Amino acid sequence: MTLNWRWDFTWEILPKLLWATLNTLIAAGLGYAVALLAGLLLALAQRTTWPLLTFAVREFVEFIRSTPLVLQIFFVFYVAPQFGIVLSPWTSGIIAIGLHYSAYLSEVYRGGLDSVARGQWEACRALNMSPRVTYVRIIIPQALAPAVPGLGNYLVGILKDTPMLSVIGVMELMHTANAIGSENYSYLEPYTLVGLIFLLISLPTAGLLRLFERRLRLGLGL
């Protein structure tokens, strides 16, 4: 069996896939931003002196981590309107991805916070620092360096999970490739290009994250 690669077809569909790549990057970037902020809030909420809040947040995190992302996307897009919350496919997808990965990032943050030496906490209490100042100026900067590898891994994970948004009609990369293949009865070229595009995005991203981690550690004197 031989593969009949059509170069004319490739150059024809490449602009559409590149435009869809931009949509994919936007969805991944916004979803990651939501996950970074929400994950930090979830991690901090598990360190309060209120047992009920800590318990509720931990159970929420476990629930999110134990259910598939595609189910959560469906729930936000199809079920939420029954409660009066009507969102566009884009907004639903970004919220679903952000909340899903916030549960994982909260555990990454928790590991980073736990890695800070106990003496740092005791010194902050001895100096009568407020919890906000303690976290913002002392603890979080030190916790960030060991957390960067995990945070970076989930950035790549979000990028690779954006094709799931196609189930609610978001015109990201995989959705566009499926549409092109169905229209032209040819899937070899679009699917191969999608794989190459994801590879060309993921590898440099991983390299930049490693560089950022080294610079951060040097800046903190680690």
N, C-alpha and C. Protein backbone atom coordinates (compact mmCIF):
# COMPACT_ATOMS: atom_id res chain seq x y z
N MET A 1 0.85 -1.19 0.00
CA MET A 1 0.00 0.00 0.00
C MET A 1 0.89 1.24 0.00
N THR A 2 0.60 2.18 -0.84
CA THR A 2 1.37 3.43 -0.93
C THR A 2 0.50 4.59 -0.47
N LEU A 3 1.15 5.58 0.10
CA LEU A 3 0.47 6.77 0.56
C LEU A 3 0.56 7.83 -0.53
N ASN A 4 -0.58 8.28 -0.99
CA ASN A 4 -0.62 9.30 -2.04
C ASN A 4 -0.77 10.68 -1.40
N TRP A 5 0.38 11.24 -1.05
CA TRP A 5 0.37 12.56 -0.43
C TRP A 5 0.13 13.62 -1.50
N ARG A 6 -0.88 14.46 -1.28
CA ARG A 6 -1.24 15.48 -2.26
C ARG A 6 -0.70 16.84 -1.80
N TRP A 7 0.38 17.27 -2.46
CA TRP A 7 1.00 18.53 -2.06
C TRP A 7 0.11 19.73 -2.40
N ASP A 8 -0.61 19.66 -3.50
CA ASP A 8 -1.49 20.77 -3.83
C ASP A 8 -2.58 20.94 -2.79
N PHE A 9 -3.11 19.81 -2.32
CA PHE A 9 -4.13 19.83 -1.28
C PHE A 9 -3.55 20.35 0.04
N THR A 10 -2.30 19.96 0.30
CA THR A 10 -1.62 20.40 1.52
C THR A 10 -1.51 21.92 1.58
N TRP A 11 -1.03 22.53 0.49
CA TRP A 11 -0.87 23.98 0.47
C TRP A 11 -2.22 24.69 0.49
N GLU A 12 -3.24 24.00 0.03
CA GLU A 12 -4.58 24.60 0.02
C GLU A 12 -5.17 24.68 1.43
N ILE A 13 -4.96 23.61 2.22
CA ILE A 13 -5.57 23.56 3.54
C ILE A 13 -4.70 24.17 4.64
N LEU A 14 -3.42 24.36 4.36
CA LEU A 14 -2.50 24.86 5.40
C LEU A 14 -2.94 26.20 6.00
N PRO A 15 -3.36 27.20 5.19
CA PRO A 15 -3.81 28.46 5.80
C PRO A 15 -4.99 28.27 6.77
N LYS A 16 -5.92 27.39 6.43
CA LYS A 16 -7.06 27.15 7.32
C LYS A 16 -6.59 26.54 8.64
N LEU A 17 -5.64 25.61 8.55
CA LEU A 17 -5.15 24.97 9.77
C LEU A 17 -4.34 25.95 10.61
N LEU A 18 -3.59 26.83 9.97
CA LEU A 18 -2.82 27.83 10.72
C LEU A 18 -3.75 28.80 11.43
N TRP A 19 -4.84 29.18 10.78
CA TRP A 19 -5.81 30.05 11.43
C TRP A 19 -6.46 29.34 12.61
N ALA A 20 -6.76 28.06 12.43
CA ALA A 20 -7.33 27.27 13.53
C ALA A 20 -6.31 27.11 14.66
N THR A 21 -5.02 27.07 14.31
CA THR A 21 -3.98 26.99 15.33
C THR A 21 -4.03 28.20 16.25
N LEU A 22 -4.28 29.37 15.67
CA LEU A 22 -4.40 30.58 16.49
C LEU A 22 -5.55 30.43 17.48
N ASN A 23 -6.68 29.90 17.02
CA ASN A 23 -7.81 29.66 17.93
C ASN A 23 -7.43 28.68 19.04
N THR A 24 -6.67 27.65 18.67
CA THR A 24 -6.22 26.66 19.65
C THR A 24 -5.34 27.30 20.71
N LEU A 25 -4.41 28.15 20.27
CA LEU A 25 -3.49 28.81 21.20
C LEU A 25 -4.25 29.76 22.12
N ILE A 26 -5.23 30.46 21.58
CA ILE A 26 -6.03 31.37 22.41
C ILE A 26 -6.80 30.59 23.46
N ALA A 27 -7.44 29.49 23.04
CA ALA A 27 -8.21 28.67 23.98
C ALA A 27 -7.30 28.09 25.06
N ALA A 28 -6.13 27.59 24.65
CA ALA A 28 -5.20 27.01 25.62
C ALA A 28 -4.67 28.08 26.57
N GLY A 29 -4.33 29.25 26.02
CA GLY A 29 -3.78 30.32 26.84
C GLY A 29 -4.78 30.84 27.86
N LEU A 30 -6.01 31.08 27.43
CA LEU A 30 -7.03 31.58 28.35
C LEU A 30 -7.41 30.52 29.38
N GLY A 31 -7.53 29.26 28.92
CA GLY A 31 -7.83 28.18 29.85
C GLY A 31 -6.74 28.02 30.90
N TYR A 32 -5.48 28.17 30.46
CA TYR A 32 -4.36 28.04 31.39
C TYR A 32 -4.34 29.19 32.39
N ALA A 33 -4.67 30.40 31.92
CA ALA A 33 -4.73 31.54 32.83
C ALA A 33 -5.77 31.32 33.91
N VAL A 34 -6.94 30.81 33.51
CA VAL A 34 -7.98 30.49 34.50
C VAL A 34 -7.49 29.43 35.47
N ALA A 35 -6.82 28.41 34.95
CA ALA A 35 -6.33 27.32 35.79
C ALA A 35 -5.27 27.80 36.77
N LEU A 36 -4.38 28.68 36.32
CA LEU A 36 -3.33 29.20 37.20
C LEU A 36 -3.92 29.94 38.39
N LEU A 37 -4.86 30.83 38.12
CA LEU A 37 -5.45 31.63 39.19
C LEU A 37 -6.35 30.77 40.08
N ALA A 38 -7.25 29.99 39.46
CA ALA A 38 -8.16 29.17 40.25
C ALA A 38 -7.41 28.10 41.04
N GLY A 39 -6.36 27.54 40.43
CA GLY A 39 -5.58 26.52 41.13
C GLY A 39 -4.90 27.08 42.37
N LEU A 40 -4.37 28.31 42.26
CA LEU A 40 -3.73 28.93 43.42
C LEU A 40 -4.76 29.20 44.52
N LEU A 41 -5.93 29.68 44.13
CA LEU A 41 -6.99 29.93 45.12
C LEU A 41 -7.42 28.64 45.80
N LEU A 42 -7.54 27.55 45.02
CA LEU A 42 -7.92 26.26 45.61
C LEU A 42 -6.85 25.76 46.57
N ALA A 43 -5.58 25.96 46.20
CA ALA A 43 -4.49 25.52 47.07
C ALA A 43 -4.48 26.31 48.38
N LEU A 44 -4.67 27.62 48.28
CA LEU A 44 -4.68 28.44 49.48
C LEU A 44 -5.91 28.16 50.34
N ALA A 45 -7.04 27.86 49.69
CA ALA A 45 -8.26 27.58 50.44
C ALA A 45 -8.15 26.31 51.28
N GLN A 46 -7.23 25.42 50.89
CA GLN A 46 -7.02 24.19 51.65
C GLN A 46 -6.07 24.39 52.83
N ARG A 47 -5.56 25.61 52.99
CA ARG A 47 -4.62 25.88 54.07
C ARG A 47 -5.20 26.86 55.10
N THR A 48 -6.51 27.06 55.07
CA THR A 48 -7.13 27.97 56.02
C THR A 48 -7.36 27.28 57.36
N THR A 49 -7.80 28.06 58.33
CA THR A 49 -8.11 27.51 59.65
C THR A 49 -9.58 27.12 59.77
N TRP A 50 -10.29 27.13 58.65
CA TRP A 50 -11.71 26.77 58.64
C TRP A 50 -11.84 25.34 58.11
N PRO A 51 -12.06 24.37 58.95
CA PRO A 51 -12.11 22.96 58.52
C PRO A 51 -13.18 22.68 57.47
N LEU A 52 -14.33 23.33 57.59
CA LEU A 52 -15.41 23.08 56.63
C LEU A 52 -15.02 23.52 55.23
N LEU A 53 -14.39 24.69 55.13
CA LEU A 53 -13.94 25.18 53.83
C LEU A 53 -12.86 24.27 53.25
N THR A 54 -11.92 23.88 54.08
CA THR A 54 -10.84 22.98 53.63
C THR A 54 -11.41 21.67 53.11
N PHE A 55 -12.37 21.10 53.85
CA PHE A 55 -12.99 19.84 53.44
C PHE A 55 -13.73 20.01 52.12
N ALA A 56 -14.51 21.09 51.98
CA ALA A 56 -15.29 21.31 50.76
C ALA A 56 -14.38 21.48 49.55
N VAL A 57 -13.31 22.22 49.71
CA VAL A 57 -12.39 22.45 48.58
C VAL A 57 -11.69 21.16 48.20
N ARG A 58 -11.27 20.39 49.17
CA ARG A 58 -10.60 19.12 48.87
C ARG A 58 -11.53 18.16 48.13
N GLU A 59 -12.78 18.11 48.55
CA GLU A 59 -13.73 17.24 47.87
C GLU A 59 -14.01 17.73 46.45
N PHE A 60 -14.06 19.05 46.28
CA PHE A 60 -14.27 19.61 44.94
C PHE A 60 -13.10 19.25 44.03
N VAL A 61 -11.89 19.38 44.55
CA VAL A 61 -10.70 19.04 43.76
C VAL A 61 -10.72 17.57 43.36
N GLU A 62 -11.05 16.70 44.30
CA GLU A 62 -11.08 15.27 44.01
C GLU A 62 -12.18 14.95 43.00
N PHE A 63 -13.32 15.63 43.10
CA PHE A 63 -14.40 15.40 42.15
C PHE A 63 -13.97 15.80 40.73
N ILE A 64 -13.36 16.95 40.59
CA ILE A 64 -12.92 17.42 39.27
C ILE A 64 -11.87 16.49 38.69
N ARG A 65 -10.94 16.05 39.53
CA ARG A 65 -9.87 15.17 39.04
C ARG A 65 -10.37 13.77 38.70
N SER A 66 -11.50 13.38 39.27
CA SER A 66 -12.01 12.02 39.09
C SER A 66 -13.03 11.90 37.96
N THR A 67 -13.37 13.00 37.33
CA THR A 67 -14.34 12.97 36.22
C THR A 67 -13.67 13.44 34.94
N PRO A 68 -14.08 12.92 33.78
CA PRO A 68 -13.41 13.26 32.52
C PRO A 68 -13.66 14.71 32.10
N LEU A 69 -12.68 15.28 31.44
CA LEU A 69 -12.79 16.65 30.95
C LEU A 69 -13.96 16.81 29.99
N VAL A 70 -14.16 15.84 29.11
CA VAL A 70 -15.22 15.96 28.11
C VAL A 70 -16.59 16.04 28.79
N LEU A 71 -16.78 15.31 29.90
CA LEU A 71 -18.04 15.38 30.65
C LEU A 71 -18.23 16.78 31.23
N GLN A 72 -17.16 17.36 31.74
CA GLN A 72 -17.25 18.70 32.31
C GLN A 72 -17.55 19.75 31.24
N ILE A 73 -17.00 19.55 30.05
CA ILE A 73 -17.31 20.46 28.93
C ILE A 73 -18.79 20.38 28.59
N PHE A 74 -19.32 19.16 28.50
CA PHE A 74 -20.74 18.99 28.22
C PHE A 74 -21.60 19.61 29.33
N PHE A 75 -21.18 19.43 30.56
CA PHE A 75 -21.96 19.94 31.68
C PHE A 75 -22.04 21.46 31.63
N VAL A 76 -20.91 22.13 31.40
CA VAL A 76 -20.90 23.60 31.36
C VAL A 76 -21.73 24.11 30.19
N PHE A 77 -21.63 23.43 29.05
CA PHE A 77 -22.29 23.94 27.84
C PHE A 77 -23.76 23.55 27.75
N TYR A 78 -24.08 22.30 28.12
CA TYR A 78 -25.44 21.81 27.93
C TYR A 78 -26.29 21.82 29.20
N VAL A 79 -25.69 21.58 30.35
CA VAL A 79 -26.46 21.49 31.59
C VAL A 79 -26.63 22.85 32.26
N ALA A 80 -25.58 23.66 32.24
CA ALA A 80 -25.66 24.98 32.90
C ALA A 80 -26.83 25.84 32.41
N PRO A 81 -27.19 25.80 31.10
CA PRO A 81 -28.35 26.60 30.67
C PRO A 81 -29.65 26.23 31.39
N GLN A 82 -29.77 25.00 31.88
CA GLN A 82 -30.97 24.62 32.63
C GLN A 82 -31.07 25.36 33.96
N PHE A 83 -29.96 25.94 34.40
CA PHE A 83 -29.94 26.74 35.63
C PHE A 83 -29.82 28.23 35.31
N GLY A 84 -30.09 28.57 34.05
CA GLY A 84 -30.08 29.97 33.66
C GLY A 84 -28.73 30.52 33.28
N ILE A 85 -27.72 29.65 33.15
CA ILE A 85 -26.37 30.09 32.79
C ILE A 85 -26.11 29.67 31.34
N VAL A 86 -26.26 30.59 30.43
CA VAL A 86 -26.09 30.30 29.01
C VAL A 86 -24.77 30.91 28.55
N LEU A 87 -23.88 30.06 28.08
CA LEU A 87 -22.55 30.50 27.66
C LEU A 87 -22.29 30.05 26.23
N SER A 88 -21.45 30.81 25.53
CA SER A 88 -21.05 30.45 24.18
C SER A 88 -20.13 29.23 24.22
N PRO A 89 -19.97 28.53 23.09
CA PRO A 89 -19.03 27.40 23.08
C PRO A 89 -17.63 27.79 23.52
N TRP A 90 -17.15 28.95 23.07
CA TRP A 90 -15.81 29.40 23.45
C TRP A 90 -15.71 29.58 24.96
N THR A 91 -16.65 30.33 25.53
CA THR A 91 -16.61 30.60 26.97
C THR A 91 -16.76 29.31 27.76
N SER A 92 -17.68 28.45 27.33
CA SER A 92 -17.88 27.17 28.03
C SER A 92 -16.60 26.33 28.01
N GLY A 93 -15.96 26.27 26.84
CA GLY A 93 -14.74 25.47 26.73
C GLY A 93 -13.62 25.99 27.59
N ILE A 94 -13.43 27.30 27.60
CA ILE A 94 -12.35 27.90 28.39
C ILE A 94 -12.60 27.69 29.88
N ILE A 95 -13.85 27.88 30.32
CA ILE A 95 -14.17 27.67 31.73
C ILE A 95 -13.98 26.21 32.13
N ALA A 96 -14.44 25.29 31.27
CA ALA A 96 -14.32 23.86 31.59
C ALA A 96 -12.86 23.44 31.68
N ILE A 97 -12.06 23.85 30.70
CA ILE A 97 -10.63 23.51 30.73
C ILE A 97 -9.95 24.15 31.93
N GLY A 98 -10.29 25.43 32.19
CA GLY A 98 -9.67 26.12 33.32
C GLY A 98 -9.99 25.46 34.64
N LEU A 99 -11.26 25.11 34.87
CA LEU A 99 -11.64 24.47 36.12
C LEU A 99 -11.03 23.07 36.25
N HIS A 100 -11.03 22.34 35.14
CA HIS A 100 -10.47 20.99 35.17
C HIS A 100 -9.00 21.01 35.57
N TYR A 101 -8.24 21.84 34.93
CA TYR A 101 -6.80 21.87 35.23
C TYR A 101 -6.48 22.63 36.50
N SER A 102 -7.40 23.47 36.98
CA SER A 102 -7.15 24.15 38.25
C SER A 102 -7.05 23.14 39.38
N ALA A 103 -7.79 22.03 39.28
CA ALA A 103 -7.72 20.99 40.31
C ALA A 103 -6.34 20.36 40.34
N TYR A 104 -5.76 20.13 39.17
CA TYR A 104 -4.42 19.55 39.11
C TYR A 104 -3.36 20.56 39.54
N LEU A 105 -3.51 21.81 39.09
CA LEU A 105 -2.53 22.83 39.45
C LEU A 105 -2.56 23.14 40.94
N SER A 106 -3.73 22.98 41.57
CA SER A 106 -3.80 23.22 43.01
C SER A 106 -2.89 22.24 43.76
N GLU A 107 -2.81 21.01 43.25
CA GLU A 107 -1.92 20.04 43.87
C GLU A 107 -0.45 20.38 43.62
N VAL A 108 -0.16 20.93 42.44
CA VAL A 108 1.20 21.38 42.16
C VAL A 108 1.59 22.52 43.09
N TYR A 109 0.67 23.48 43.23
CA TYR A 109 0.92 24.58 44.16
C TYR A 109 1.09 24.07 45.59
N ARG A 110 0.25 23.12 45.97
CA ARG A 110 0.33 22.59 47.33
C ARG A 110 1.69 21.96 47.60
N GLY A 111 2.20 21.22 46.61
CA GLY A 111 3.53 20.64 46.77
C GLY A 111 4.60 21.71 46.90
N GLY A 112 4.47 22.78 46.10
CA GLY A 112 5.44 23.87 46.20
C GLY A 112 5.37 24.58 47.53
N LEU A 113 4.16 24.81 48.04
CA LEU A 113 4.01 25.47 49.34
C LEU A 113 4.56 24.60 50.46
N ASP A 114 4.32 23.30 50.36
CA ASP A 114 4.82 22.39 51.40
C ASP A 114 6.35 22.28 51.38
N SER A 115 6.97 22.62 50.25
CA SER A 115 8.42 22.51 50.15
C SER A 115 9.15 23.68 50.82
N VAL A 116 8.43 24.74 51.13
CA VAL A 116 9.05 25.89 51.79
C VAL A 116 9.41 25.51 53.22
N ALA A 117 10.62 25.82 53.60
CA ALA A 117 11.10 25.42 54.93
C ALA A 117 10.21 25.98 56.04
N ARG A 118 10.00 25.18 57.06
CA ARG A 118 9.13 25.59 58.16
C ARG A 118 9.66 26.86 58.84
N GLY A 119 10.98 27.01 58.83
CA GLY A 119 11.57 28.18 59.46
C GLY A 119 11.12 29.48 58.82
N GLN A 120 10.79 29.45 57.52
CA GLN A 120 10.31 30.64 56.83
C GLN A 120 8.95 31.07 57.38
N TRP A 121 8.08 30.10 57.62
CA TRP A 121 6.77 30.40 58.20
C TRP A 121 6.94 30.97 59.61
N GLU A 122 7.81 30.33 60.40
CA GLU A 122 7.99 30.76 61.77
C GLU A 122 8.59 32.16 61.84
N ALA A 123 9.49 32.47 60.91
CA ALA A 123 10.09 33.81 60.88
C ALA A 123 9.04 34.87 60.56
N CYS A 124 8.13 34.54 59.63
CA CYS A 124 7.07 35.49 59.28
C CYS A 124 6.14 35.74 60.46
N ARG A 125 5.83 34.67 61.21
CA ARG A 125 4.98 34.85 62.39
C ARG A 125 5.70 35.66 63.46
N ALA A 126 7.02 35.41 63.61
CA ALA A 126 7.79 36.15 64.61
C ALA A 126 7.85 37.64 64.29
N LEU A 127 7.86 37.97 62.99
CA LEU A 127 7.88 39.37 62.57
C LEU A 127 6.48 39.97 62.50
N ASN A 128 5.48 39.18 62.89
CA ASN A 128 4.09 39.64 62.93
C ASN A 128 3.58 40.07 61.54
N MET A 129 3.99 39.34 60.52
CA MET A 129 3.51 39.62 59.17
C MET A 129 2.09 39.10 59.01
N SER A 130 1.31 39.81 58.24
CA SER A 130 -0.05 39.36 57.95
C SER A 130 0.00 38.16 57.00
N PRO A 131 -1.05 37.34 56.98
CA PRO A 131 -1.05 36.20 56.05
C PRO A 131 -0.84 36.62 54.60
N ARG A 132 -1.45 37.74 54.19
CA ARG A 132 -1.30 38.19 52.80
C ARG A 132 0.15 38.52 52.48
N VAL A 133 0.80 39.28 53.35
CA VAL A 133 2.20 39.65 53.13
C VAL A 133 3.08 38.40 53.18
N THR A 134 2.78 37.51 54.10
CA THR A 134 3.57 36.28 54.22
C THR A 134 3.55 35.48 52.92
N TYR A 135 2.36 35.29 52.36
CA TYR A 135 2.24 34.50 51.14
C TYR A 135 2.82 35.24 49.93
N VAL A 136 2.45 36.51 49.77
CA VAL A 136 2.81 37.24 48.55
C VAL A 136 4.30 37.52 48.49
N ARG A 137 4.90 37.91 49.59
CA ARG A 137 6.30 38.35 49.56
C ARG A 137 7.31 37.27 49.92
N ILE A 138 6.89 36.29 50.72
CA ILE A 138 7.86 35.32 51.22
C ILE A 138 7.62 33.91 50.69
N ILE A 139 6.42 33.40 50.89
CA ILE A 139 6.17 31.98 50.65
C ILE A 139 5.99 31.65 49.18
N ILE A 140 5.07 32.37 48.50
CA ILE A 140 4.77 32.02 47.11
C ILE A 140 5.99 32.14 46.20
N PRO A 141 6.82 33.20 46.29
CA PRO A 141 8.02 33.24 45.44
C PRO A 141 8.93 32.04 45.62
N GLN A 142 9.06 31.55 46.87
CA GLN A 142 9.91 30.38 47.10
C GLN A 142 9.22 29.09 46.64
N ALA A 143 7.90 29.06 46.72
CA ALA A 143 7.17 27.85 46.31
C ALA A 143 7.07 27.74 44.80
N LEU A 144 7.24 28.86 44.10
CA LEU A 144 7.04 28.85 42.65
C LEU A 144 8.09 28.03 41.92
N ALA A 145 9.36 28.15 42.34
CA ALA A 145 10.44 27.47 41.63
C ALA A 145 10.25 25.96 41.56
N PRO A 146 10.00 25.26 42.66
CA PRO A 146 9.78 23.81 42.55
C PRO A 146 8.48 23.45 41.86
N ALA A 147 7.55 24.41 41.76
CA ALA A 147 6.26 24.12 41.13
C ALA A 147 6.30 24.31 39.61
N VAL A 148 7.30 25.02 39.10
CA VAL A 148 7.34 25.35 37.67
C VAL A 148 7.30 24.12 36.76
N PRO A 149 8.08 23.06 37.04
CA PRO A 149 8.00 21.88 36.13
C PRO A 149 6.58 21.32 36.03
N GLY A 150 5.89 21.19 37.15
CA GLY A 150 4.53 20.68 37.11
C GLY A 150 3.59 21.63 36.40
N LEU A 151 3.73 22.92 36.65
CA LEU A 151 2.90 23.91 35.98
C LEU A 151 3.12 23.86 34.47
N GLY A 152 4.38 23.68 34.08
CA GLY A 152 4.69 23.61 32.65
C GLY A 152 4.13 22.37 31.98
N ASN A 153 4.19 21.25 32.69
CA ASN A 153 3.64 20.01 32.12
C ASN A 153 2.16 20.14 31.84
N TYR A 154 1.45 20.80 32.73
CA TYR A 154 0.01 20.94 32.53
C TYR A 154 -0.32 21.97 31.46
N LEU A 155 0.58 22.91 31.21
CA LEU A 155 0.38 23.82 30.07
C LEU A 155 0.38 23.03 28.77
N VAL A 156 1.34 22.13 28.62
CA VAL A 156 1.38 21.28 27.44
C VAL A 156 0.16 20.36 27.41
N GLY A 157 -0.26 19.89 28.59
CA GLY A 157 -1.45 19.04 28.66
C GLY A 157 -2.70 19.76 28.20
N ILE A 158 -2.85 21.02 28.60
CA ILE A 158 -4.00 21.80 28.16
C ILE A 158 -3.98 21.97 26.65
N LEU A 159 -2.80 22.25 26.12
CA LEU A 159 -2.68 22.42 24.67
C LEU A 159 -3.14 21.17 23.93
N LYS A 160 -2.76 20.01 24.43
CA LYS A 160 -3.12 18.76 23.76
C LYS A 160 -4.58 18.36 24.01
N ASP A 161 -5.21 18.96 25.03
CA ASP A 161 -6.61 18.64 25.31
C ASP A 161 -7.59 19.59 24.63
N THR A 162 -7.09 20.64 24.00
CA THR A 162 -8.00 21.57 23.32
C THR A 162 -8.84 20.90 22.23
N PRO A 163 -8.38 19.81 21.57
CA PRO A 163 -9.27 19.16 20.59
C PRO A 163 -10.60 18.69 21.17
N MET A 164 -10.67 18.51 22.49
CA MET A 164 -11.94 18.10 23.08
C MET A 164 -13.01 19.18 22.94
N LEU A 165 -12.58 20.42 22.74
CA LEU A 165 -13.56 21.50 22.58
C LEU A 165 -14.35 21.35 21.28
N SER A 166 -13.87 20.51 20.38
CA SER A 166 -14.59 20.32 19.12
C SER A 166 -15.96 19.69 19.35
N VAL A 167 -16.15 19.02 20.49
CA VAL A 167 -17.43 18.35 20.74
C VAL A 167 -18.57 19.35 20.95
N ILE A 168 -18.23 20.62 21.25
CA ILE A 168 -19.27 21.63 21.38
C ILE A 168 -19.15 22.69 20.28
N GLY A 169 -18.40 22.36 19.23
CA GLY A 169 -18.37 23.21 18.05
C GLY A 169 -17.35 24.31 18.03
N VAL A 170 -16.38 24.28 18.93
CA VAL A 170 -15.32 25.29 18.90
C VAL A 170 -14.40 24.99 17.73
N MET A 171 -14.16 25.99 16.89
CA MET A 171 -13.36 25.78 15.68
C MET A 171 -11.87 25.84 15.99
N GLU A 172 -11.42 24.87 16.77
CA GLU A 172 -9.98 24.78 17.03
C GLU A 172 -9.35 23.88 15.97
N LEU A 173 -8.12 23.48 16.19
CA LEU A 173 -7.33 22.82 15.15
C LEU A 173 -7.94 21.48 14.73
N MET A 174 -8.29 20.65 15.67
CA MET A 174 -8.80 19.32 15.33
C MET A 174 -10.17 19.40 14.68
N HIS A 175 -11.00 20.31 15.15
CA HIS A 175 -12.32 20.48 14.55
C HIS A 175 -12.18 20.88 13.09
N THR A 176 -11.25 21.79 12.82
CA THR A 176 -11.03 22.23 11.44
C THR A 176 -10.51 21.09 10.58
N ALA A 177 -9.59 20.28 11.12
CA ALA A 177 -9.07 19.14 10.37
C ALA A 177 -10.17 18.14 10.04
N ASN A 178 -11.05 17.89 11.00
CA ASN A 178 -12.18 16.98 10.75
C ASN A 178 -13.08 17.52 9.65
N ALA A 179 -13.36 18.83 9.71
CA ALA A 179 -14.22 19.44 8.70
C ALA A 179 -13.59 19.35 7.32
N ILE A 180 -12.28 19.60 7.23
CA ILE A 180 -11.58 19.52 5.95
C ILE A 180 -11.61 18.09 5.41
N GLY A 181 -11.33 17.12 6.31
CA GLY A 181 -11.33 15.72 5.88
C GLY A 181 -12.69 15.26 5.40
N SER A 182 -13.75 15.67 6.11
CA SER A 182 -15.10 15.27 5.72
C SER A 182 -15.51 15.90 4.40
N GLU A 183 -15.09 17.13 4.19
CA GLU A 183 -15.47 17.84 2.97
C GLU A 183 -14.76 17.30 1.74
N ASN A 184 -13.49 16.88 1.92
CA ASN A 184 -12.67 16.46 0.78
C ASN A 184 -12.44 14.95 0.73
N TYR A 185 -13.00 14.22 1.68
CA TYR A 185 -12.82 12.76 1.74
C TYR A 185 -11.35 12.37 1.75
N SER A 186 -10.56 13.19 2.44
CA SER A 186 -9.13 12.92 2.56
C SER A 186 -8.68 13.37 3.94
N TYR A 187 -8.20 12.42 4.75
CA TYR A 187 -7.83 12.74 6.14
C TYR A 187 -6.32 12.67 6.37
N LEU A 188 -5.59 12.09 5.44
CA LEU A 188 -4.15 11.92 5.65
C LEU A 188 -3.46 13.26 5.85
N GLU A 189 -3.66 14.18 4.94
CA GLU A 189 -2.94 15.46 5.00
C GLU A 189 -3.36 16.31 6.21
N PRO A 190 -4.66 16.52 6.44
CA PRO A 190 -5.02 17.38 7.58
C PRO A 190 -4.61 16.80 8.92
N TYR A 191 -4.77 15.48 9.12
CA TYR A 191 -4.41 14.90 10.41
C TYR A 191 -2.89 14.91 10.61
N THR A 192 -2.15 14.66 9.54
CA THR A 192 -0.69 14.70 9.66
C THR A 192 -0.21 16.10 9.98
N LEU A 193 -0.79 17.09 9.33
CA LEU A 193 -0.40 18.48 9.60
C LEU A 193 -0.76 18.89 11.03
N VAL A 194 -1.91 18.43 11.51
CA VAL A 194 -2.29 18.73 12.89
C VAL A 194 -1.26 18.17 13.86
N GLY A 195 -0.84 16.92 13.64
CA GLY A 195 0.18 16.32 14.50
C GLY A 195 1.48 17.10 14.47
N LEU A 196 1.91 17.53 13.29
CA LEU A 196 3.14 18.29 13.17
C LEU A 196 3.02 19.65 13.85
N ILE A 197 1.87 20.29 13.69
CA ILE A 197 1.67 21.60 14.32
C ILE A 197 1.72 21.49 15.84
N PHE A 198 1.05 20.49 16.39
CA PHE A 198 1.10 20.30 17.85
C PHE A 198 2.53 20.02 18.30
N LEU A 199 3.27 19.26 17.52
CA LEU A 199 4.66 18.95 17.87
C LEU A 199 5.51 20.21 17.83
N LEU A 200 5.32 21.04 16.81
CA LEU A 200 6.10 22.26 16.68
C LEU A 200 5.77 23.28 17.76
N ILE A 201 4.60 23.18 18.34
CA ILE A 201 4.23 24.08 19.44
C ILE A 201 4.72 23.52 20.78
N SER A 202 4.54 22.23 20.99
CA SER A 202 4.83 21.63 22.30
C SER A 202 6.32 21.59 22.61
N LEU A 203 7.16 21.24 21.64
CA LEU A 203 8.59 21.11 21.92
C LEU A 203 9.23 22.44 22.31
N PRO A 204 9.03 23.52 21.54
CA PRO A 204 9.60 24.81 21.98
C PRO A 204 9.03 25.29 23.31
N THR A 205 7.74 25.03 23.55
CA THR A 205 7.13 25.43 24.82
C THR A 205 7.81 24.74 25.99
N ALA A 206 8.08 23.45 25.85
CA ALA A 206 8.76 22.71 26.91
C ALA A 206 10.16 23.26 27.14
N GLY A 207 10.86 23.59 26.04
CA GLY A 207 12.20 24.16 26.17
C GLY A 207 12.19 25.52 26.86
N LEU A 208 11.24 26.36 26.52
CA LEU A 208 11.14 27.68 27.15
C LEU A 208 10.81 27.56 28.63
N LEU A 209 9.99 26.59 28.98
CA LEU A 209 9.65 26.39 30.39
C LEU A 209 10.86 25.94 31.19
N ARG A 210 11.70 25.09 30.61
CA ARG A 210 12.92 24.66 31.30
C ARG A 210 13.86 25.85 31.48
N LEU A 211 13.96 26.70 30.47
CA LEU A 211 14.79 27.90 30.57
C LEU A 211 14.27 28.84 31.65
N PHE A 212 12.95 29.01 31.69
CA PHE A 212 12.34 29.86 32.71
C PHE A 212 12.60 29.32 34.10
N GLU A 213 12.52 28.00 34.25
CA GLU A 213 12.78 27.39 35.55
C GLU A 213 14.21 27.65 36.01
N ARG A 214 15.19 27.49 35.10
CA ARG A 214 16.59 27.73 35.47
C ARG A 214 16.81 29.18 35.86
N ARG A 215 16.23 30.11 35.10
CA ARG A 215 16.40 31.53 35.41
C ARG A 215 15.74 31.88 36.75
N LEU A 216 14.59 31.27 37.00
CA LEU A 216 13.89 31.55 38.25
C LEU A 216 14.70 31.04 39.44
N ARG A 217 15.25 29.86 39.30
CA ARG A 217 16.06 29.30 40.39
C ARG A 217 17.30 30.14 40.63
N LEU A 218 17.94 30.61 39.57
CA LEU A 218 19.11 31.47 39.73
C LEU A 218 18.72 32.79 40.39
N GLY A 219 17.56 33.33 39.98
CA GLY A 219 17.11 34.60 40.56
C GLY A 219 16.81 34.48 42.04
N LEU A 220 16.34 33.30 42.47
CA LEU A 220 16.03 33.08 43.89
C LEU A 220 17.23 32.54 44.66
N GLY A 221 18.34 32.32 43.93
CA GLY A 221 19.54 31.81 44.60
C GLY A 221 19.44 30.36 45.00
N LEU A 222 18.66 29.58 44.22
CA LEU A 222 18.48 28.17 44.54
C LEU A 222 19.44 27.30 43.75
